[in-house]
Amino acid sequence: MNPENTATVVKHTGSHYLLSKLPEWNLFPAVLRGKIRLKGSTATNPVAVGDVVSYETDNGSPTLENPAVIKSVHERRNYVIRKSANLSRQAHIIAANIDQAFIVVTLDFPEVKLPFLDRILVTCEVYNVHPVIVLNKIDLFRDAYAVQLDAFHRIYEGAGYSVMEVSALTGEGMEALLEACAGKISLFSGVSGVGKSSLIKAMDPTLELKIGEISEAHLQGRHTTTFYEMYPLSSGGFIIDTPGIRGFGLVDIEPEEIALYFPEMLRTSAGCRFTPCTHTHEPGCAVKAAVEEGTVSYERYSSYLGMLEEGKKYR
């Protein structure tokens, strides 16, 4: 075999992968031979989209018949990980080494579940990923859902998060979204039905053409119901598309740590009488006072209490 090289994982389906030497976009296939175990990881996938890996090849360029062999995974600067069920100890890494995560939601059709959104936001805080909330289908909600729209902005912008209003149908907000993605690796995630795929196609209608024949051949005869894939944007940057997520359980977060990952609660907790404070029953709790005053939203506080109870139950 030739000496080891490095590349980024841009797609995986089971044990088969596509790699590219970013920022170049020249796909080639790779496989795992043997097991790669990451120290301290409980993840079901040791290699994720966005991972930088070392690989070896036989003489010549990798082909479908003679793919590269992934030998090791480089240390990740960050990642997004989830458990699909609270009782499960296994976790799945959605993506690694990303600059930001766009969490796509809609006020209705489907209705946004705030505890679900808050779990993703907490995970981003824990694993050092910058999150941005993307409110899609804004053309449907601006007038008919004006009260809910104002409340949503109040809750999440009040917590310190950016909320972008966009519409894949009308093109509203698309220029700002593309500008935010330029030169970066961005994860797009959300539940089924929020219009994530339509949004990505609206950002770059040529994306399907850019994947090329190797991707089609790579997938031929394989189960592809759930896979993660990176795409190059013609306007600059790369996006990682994910299947619709049904459940989002927290991974490796102790109950007493959860409040640290609610930015608005962390800011407020300096005024608590006791340290540490669970912000549930203690007298002189600044967070509970802020909830009563409305400076910390009841909705976010309710999500926190739910996570706290789950964390204690499934320790």
Protein backbone atom coordinates (compact mmCIF):
# COMPACT_ATOMS: atom_id res chain seq x y z
CA MET A 1 0.00 0.00 0.00
CA ASN A 2 0.98 3.62 -0.54
CA PRO A 3 1.71 5.95 2.40
CA GLU A 4 -1.26 7.27 4.37
CA ASN A 5 -3.18 10.30 3.12
CA THR A 6 -5.90 12.40 4.71
CA ALA A 7 -9.38 13.37 3.48
CA THR A 8 -12.80 14.31 4.81
CA VAL A 9 -15.77 11.94 4.96
CA VAL A 10 -18.56 13.45 2.84
CA LYS A 11 -20.99 10.53 2.83
CA HIS A 12 -21.52 7.23 4.59
CA THR A 13 -23.94 4.37 4.07
CA GLY A 14 -23.31 1.56 6.47
CA SER A 15 -19.65 0.60 6.19
CA HIS A 16 -19.13 2.35 2.82
CA TYR A 17 -17.93 5.93 2.57
CA LEU A 18 -17.17 8.68 0.10
CA LEU A 19 -14.17 10.92 0.79
CA SER A 20 -12.86 14.18 -0.64
CA LYS A 21 -9.80 16.31 0.04
CA LEU A 22 -11.66 19.47 1.03
CA PRO A 23 -11.88 22.18 -0.13
CA GLU A 24 -11.48 20.24 -3.38
CA TRP A 25 -14.53 18.26 -4.45
CA ASN A 26 -13.26 15.04 -6.00
CA LEU A 27 -15.13 12.07 -4.54
CA PHE A 28 -13.61 8.64 -4.11
CA PRO A 29 -14.86 5.53 -2.28
CA ALA A 30 -13.50 4.09 0.94
CA VAL A 31 -14.23 1.25 3.33
CA LEU A 32 -13.40 0.24 6.87
CA ARG A 33 -11.44 -2.93 7.36
CA GLY A 34 -11.43 -4.08 10.94
CA LYS A 35 -12.87 -1.96 13.73
CA ILE A 36 -12.03 1.60 14.62
CA ARG A 37 -12.85 2.40 18.22
CA LEU A 38 -12.79 5.94 19.51
CA LYS A 39 -11.63 6.34 23.08
CA GLY A 40 -14.55 6.87 25.45
CA SER A 41 -17.17 6.84 22.69
CA THR A 42 -20.46 4.95 22.88
CA ALA A 43 -21.44 5.93 19.36
CA THR A 44 -22.72 3.31 16.94
CA ASN A 45 -20.83 4.98 14.10
CA PRO A 46 -17.09 5.37 14.69
CA VAL A 47 -16.75 7.40 11.48
CA ALA A 48 -19.12 10.27 10.71
CA VAL A 49 -19.63 12.79 7.91
CA GLY A 50 -17.20 15.65 8.50
CA ASP A 51 -14.55 13.43 10.06
CA VAL A 52 -10.99 13.89 8.84
CA VAL A 53 -9.52 10.43 8.32
CA SER A 54 -6.24 8.85 7.36
CA TYR A 55 -6.51 6.32 4.55
CA GLU A 56 -4.37 4.04 2.44
CA THR A 57 -4.72 2.95 -1.17
CA ASP A 58 -3.31 0.28 -3.36
CA ASN A 59 -1.30 1.51 -6.32
CA GLY A 60 -3.35 3.94 -8.36
CA SER A 61 -6.42 6.00 -7.59
CA PRO A 62 -9.26 4.47 -5.53
CA THR A 63 -12.13 2.94 -7.49
CA LEU A 64 -15.40 1.23 -6.61
CA GLU A 65 -13.67 -2.11 -7.10
CA ASN A 66 -10.53 -1.02 -5.23
CA PRO A 67 -11.60 1.55 -2.61
CA ALA A 68 -9.36 3.36 -0.18
CA VAL A 69 -9.08 1.88 3.32
CA ILE A 70 -9.79 4.15 6.30
CA LYS A 71 -7.13 3.55 8.94
CA SER A 72 -7.86 6.13 11.63
CA VAL A 73 -10.02 9.11 12.56
CA HIS A 74 -8.37 12.40 13.49
CA GLU A 75 -9.35 14.17 16.70
CA ARG A 76 -12.63 16.07 16.28
CA ARG A 77 -12.90 19.75 17.14
CA ASN A 78 -16.63 19.31 17.73
CA TYR A 79 -19.58 17.12 16.80
CA VAL A 80 -23.35 16.70 17.20
CA ILE A 81 -24.48 13.48 18.85
CA ARG A 82 -27.85 12.11 19.91
CA LYS A 83 -29.61 9.17 21.48
CA SER A 84 -32.77 8.10 19.68
CA ALA A 85 -34.31 6.66 22.85
CA ASN A 86 -33.78 7.66 26.46
CA LEU A 87 -33.33 4.07 27.61
CA SER A 88 -30.68 3.37 24.98
CA ARG A 89 -27.05 3.73 25.95
CA GLN A 90 -26.03 3.81 22.31
CA ALA A 91 -25.62 7.10 20.53
CA HIS A 92 -25.18 8.26 16.94
CA ILE A 93 -22.86 11.02 15.77
CA ILE A 94 -24.76 13.13 13.26
CA ALA A 95 -21.78 15.14 11.98
CA ALA A 96 -18.30 16.23 13.04
CA ASN A 97 -16.00 19.23 12.58
CA ILE A 98 -18.74 21.68 11.60
CA ASP A 99 -18.72 25.47 11.79
CA GLN A 100 -22.41 25.83 12.56
CA ALA A 101 -25.69 23.93 12.81
CA PHE A 102 -28.87 25.26 11.22
CA ILE A 103 -31.86 23.80 13.03
CA VAL A 104 -34.83 24.04 10.67
CA VAL A 105 -38.27 24.37 12.28
CA THR A 106 -41.80 25.46 11.35
CA LEU A 107 -44.47 26.94 13.60
CA ASP A 108 -47.01 24.47 12.22
CA PHE A 109 -47.26 21.72 9.61
CA PRO A 110 -45.45 20.27 11.59
CA GLU A 111 -45.76 22.20 14.83
CA VAL A 112 -42.45 22.96 16.47
CA LYS A 113 -41.90 21.02 19.70
CA LEU A 114 -39.92 23.34 21.93
CA PRO A 115 -38.52 20.62 24.26
CA PHE A 116 -37.17 18.81 21.17
CA LEU A 117 -35.59 22.01 19.84
CA ASP A 118 -34.13 22.77 23.26
CA ARG A 119 -32.46 19.34 23.41
CA ILE A 120 -30.68 20.05 20.13
CA LEU A 121 -29.62 23.49 21.36
CA VAL A 122 -28.26 22.04 24.60
CA THR A 123 -26.31 19.42 22.64
CA CYS A 124 -24.80 22.16 20.45
CA GLU A 125 -23.77 24.07 23.58
CA VAL A 126 -22.20 20.96 25.14
CA TYR A 127 -20.18 19.97 22.06
CA ASN A 128 -19.09 23.48 21.02
CA VAL A 129 -21.24 23.85 17.89
CA HIS A 130 -22.69 27.24 16.98
CA PRO A 131 -26.47 26.84 16.45
CA VAL A 132 -28.77 28.99 14.32
CA ILE A 133 -32.54 28.48 14.29
CA VAL A 134 -34.06 28.63 10.81
CA LEU A 135 -37.80 29.29 10.77
CA ASN A 136 -38.95 27.97 7.39
CA LYS A 137 -42.28 28.50 5.56
CA ILE A 138 -42.41 32.03 6.96
CA ASP A 139 -44.77 32.97 4.12
CA LEU A 140 -47.45 30.83 5.79
CA PHE A 141 -46.98 32.16 9.30
CA ARG A 142 -46.30 35.87 9.24
CA ASP A 143 -49.96 36.92 9.22
CA ALA A 144 -51.96 33.90 10.38
CA TYR A 145 -49.55 33.07 13.23
CA ALA A 146 -48.41 36.56 14.21
CA VAL A 147 -48.82 35.98 17.96
CA GLN A 148 -46.99 32.62 17.89
CA LEU A 149 -44.25 34.12 15.70
CA ASP A 150 -43.64 36.97 18.14
CA ALA A 151 -43.58 34.53 21.05
CA PHE A 152 -41.07 32.27 19.31
CA HIS A 153 -38.70 35.18 18.67
CA ARG A 154 -39.11 36.36 22.26
CA ILE A 155 -38.23 32.93 23.68
CA TYR A 156 -35.19 32.15 21.56
CA GLU A 157 -33.73 35.55 20.83
CA GLY A 158 -34.22 36.30 24.51
CA ALA A 159 -32.12 33.22 25.26
CA GLY A 160 -29.41 34.54 22.96
CA TYR A 161 -29.98 32.54 19.76
CA SER A 162 -30.25 33.82 16.19
CA VAL A 163 -33.56 33.13 14.45
CA MET A 164 -33.60 33.43 10.65
CA GLU A 165 -36.94 33.67 8.84
CA VAL A 166 -36.88 32.00 5.43
CA SER A 167 -39.16 30.55 2.78
CA ALA A 168 -37.98 27.95 0.30
CA LEU A 169 -41.13 28.69 -1.72
CA THR A 170 -40.87 32.48 -2.06
CA GLY A 171 -37.10 32.82 -1.64
CA GLU A 172 -37.41 35.12 1.33
CA GLY A 173 -34.31 35.06 3.51
CA MET A 174 -32.38 32.82 1.13
CA GLU A 175 -29.71 35.39 0.32
CA ALA A 176 -28.92 35.86 4.01
CA LEU A 177 -28.83 32.09 4.52
CA LEU A 178 -26.42 31.58 1.63
CA GLU A 179 -24.23 34.40 2.91
CA ALA A 180 -24.15 32.76 6.36
CA CYS A 181 -23.01 29.46 4.78
CA ALA A 182 -20.28 30.91 2.57
CA GLY A 183 -16.87 29.43 3.31
CA LYS A 184 -18.16 27.24 6.15
CA ILE A 185 -19.23 23.65 6.81
CA SER A 186 -22.84 23.82 7.95
CA LEU A 187 -25.13 21.11 9.30
CA PHE A 188 -28.82 21.26 8.39
CA SER A 189 -31.10 19.28 10.67
CA GLY A 190 -34.75 19.09 11.70
CA VAL A 191 -37.77 16.84 11.97
CA SER A 192 -39.48 15.43 8.87
CA GLY A 193 -41.82 17.84 7.14
CA VAL A 194 -40.13 21.14 7.96
CA GLY A 195 -39.04 21.56 4.33
CA LYS A 196 -35.34 21.05 4.87
CA SER A 197 -34.78 19.33 1.52
CA SER A 198 -36.72 22.01 -0.32
CA LEU A 199 -34.70 24.65 1.49
CA ILE A 200 -31.40 23.06 0.47
CA LYS A 201 -32.53 22.71 -3.15
CA ALA A 202 -33.60 26.35 -3.16
CA MET A 203 -30.14 27.32 -1.92
CA ASP A 204 -28.51 25.57 -4.87
CA PRO A 205 -30.73 23.92 -7.52
CA THR A 206 -27.67 22.23 -9.10
CA LEU A 207 -26.71 20.23 -6.01
CA GLU A 208 -28.02 16.91 -7.31
CA LEU A 209 -25.95 17.30 -10.46
CA LYS A 210 -22.79 17.93 -8.46
CA ILE A 211 -22.86 14.60 -6.66
CA GLY A 212 -21.83 12.81 -9.86
CA GLU A 213 -21.99 9.27 -11.12
CA ILE A 214 -19.72 7.83 -8.45
CA SER A 215 -22.32 8.55 -5.78
CA GLU A 216 -25.06 6.73 -7.69
CA ALA A 217 -22.84 3.73 -8.31
CA HIS A 218 -21.67 3.80 -4.72
CA LEU A 219 -25.25 3.47 -3.48
CA GLN A 220 -26.41 0.89 -5.96
CA GLY A 221 -27.92 -2.14 -4.27
CA ARG A 222 -27.50 -0.76 -0.76
CA HIS A 223 -30.02 0.24 1.87
CA THR A 224 -30.14 4.02 1.92
CA THR A 225 -33.16 4.85 4.03
CA THR A 226 -31.02 6.89 6.43
CA PHE A 227 -27.74 8.43 5.49
CA TYR A 228 -25.86 11.65 5.97
CA GLU A 229 -24.23 13.55 3.14
CA MET A 230 -22.16 16.65 2.52
CA TYR A 231 -22.74 18.83 -0.55
CA PRO A 232 -20.73 21.72 -2.02
CA LEU A 233 -22.62 24.98 -2.48
CA SER A 234 -21.95 26.82 -5.74
CA SER A 235 -22.01 30.05 -3.72
CA GLY A 236 -19.26 28.74 -1.44
CA GLY A 237 -19.10 26.46 1.56
CA PHE A 238 -20.43 22.98 2.25
CA ILE A 239 -23.65 21.75 3.82
CA ILE A 240 -24.39 18.44 5.52
CA ASP A 241 -27.90 17.13 4.97
CA THR A 242 -29.47 14.71 7.46
CA PRO A 243 -32.57 12.52 7.50
CA GLY A 244 -35.54 13.81 9.48
CA ILE A 245 -34.89 13.28 13.19
CA ARG A 246 -37.61 11.72 15.32
CA GLY A 247 -36.01 11.63 18.73
CA PHE A 248 -33.15 13.56 20.29
CA GLY A 249 -31.87 12.23 23.59
CA LEU A 250 -29.02 13.92 25.43
CA VAL A 251 -25.68 12.10 25.61
CA ASP A 252 -23.14 12.14 28.48
CA ILE A 253 -24.65 15.11 30.32
CA GLU A 254 -25.12 14.81 34.06
CA PRO A 255 -28.37 16.28 35.47
CA GLU A 256 -26.49 18.84 37.57
CA GLU A 257 -24.72 20.10 34.41
CA ILE A 258 -27.79 20.73 32.26
CA ALA A 259 -28.45 24.28 33.49
CA LEU A 260 -24.95 25.30 32.40
CA TYR A 261 -26.04 24.82 28.78
CA PHE A 262 -29.04 27.15 28.92
CA PRO A 263 -27.23 30.45 28.24
CA GLU A 264 -29.95 32.65 29.75
CA MET A 265 -30.04 30.53 32.92
CA LEU A 266 -26.25 30.47 33.19
CA ARG A 267 -26.15 34.27 33.01
CA THR A 268 -28.83 34.58 35.68
CA SER A 269 -27.56 31.89 38.05
CA ALA A 270 -24.75 34.12 39.35
CA GLY A 271 -27.42 35.71 41.53
CA CYS A 272 -28.54 32.45 43.16
CA ARG A 273 -28.13 32.26 46.94
CA PHE A 274 -26.72 28.74 46.80
CA THR A 275 -24.00 27.23 44.63
CA PRO A 276 -24.60 24.80 43.10
CA CYS A 277 -28.31 25.45 42.60
CA THR A 278 -30.68 23.13 40.74
CA HIS A 279 -33.12 26.02 40.15
CA THR A 280 -36.00 23.86 41.36
CA HIS A 281 -36.59 24.13 45.13
CA GLU A 282 -33.82 26.26 46.58
CA PRO A 283 -34.71 29.58 48.30
CA GLY A 284 -33.16 32.67 46.83
CA CYS A 285 -32.91 31.16 43.33
CA ALA A 286 -32.30 33.92 40.79
CA VAL A 287 -33.38 31.69 37.88
CA LYS A 288 -36.81 30.97 39.39
CA ALA A 289 -37.21 34.69 40.09
CA ALA A 290 -36.30 35.47 36.48
CA VAL A 291 -38.91 32.98 35.25
CA GLU A 292 -41.55 34.71 37.38
CA GLU A 293 -40.43 38.09 36.04
CA GLY A 294 -40.39 36.82 32.44
CA THR A 295 -36.71 37.48 31.74
CA VAL A 296 -36.17 33.71 31.48
CA SER A 297 -39.00 32.16 29.46
CA TYR A 298 -41.31 29.67 31.12
CA GLU A 299 -41.11 27.49 28.01
CA ARG A 300 -37.33 27.13 28.22
CA TYR A 301 -37.47 26.60 31.98
CA SER A 302 -40.08 23.88 31.46
CA SER A 303 -37.77 22.17 28.94
CA TYR A 304 -34.98 22.33 31.51
CA LEU A 305 -37.13 20.67 34.17
CA GLY A 306 -38.03 17.90 31.71
CA MET A 307 -34.37 17.23 30.89
CA LEU A 308 -33.50 17.29 34.59
CA GLU A 309 -36.08 14.62 35.40
CA GLU A 310 -35.03 12.46 32.45
CA GLY A 311 -31.39 12.78 33.44
CA LYS A 312 -32.15 11.53 36.94
CA LYS A 313 -34.39 8.72 35.71
CA TYR A 314 -32.00 7.27 33.14
CA ARG A 315 -28.65 7.73 34.91
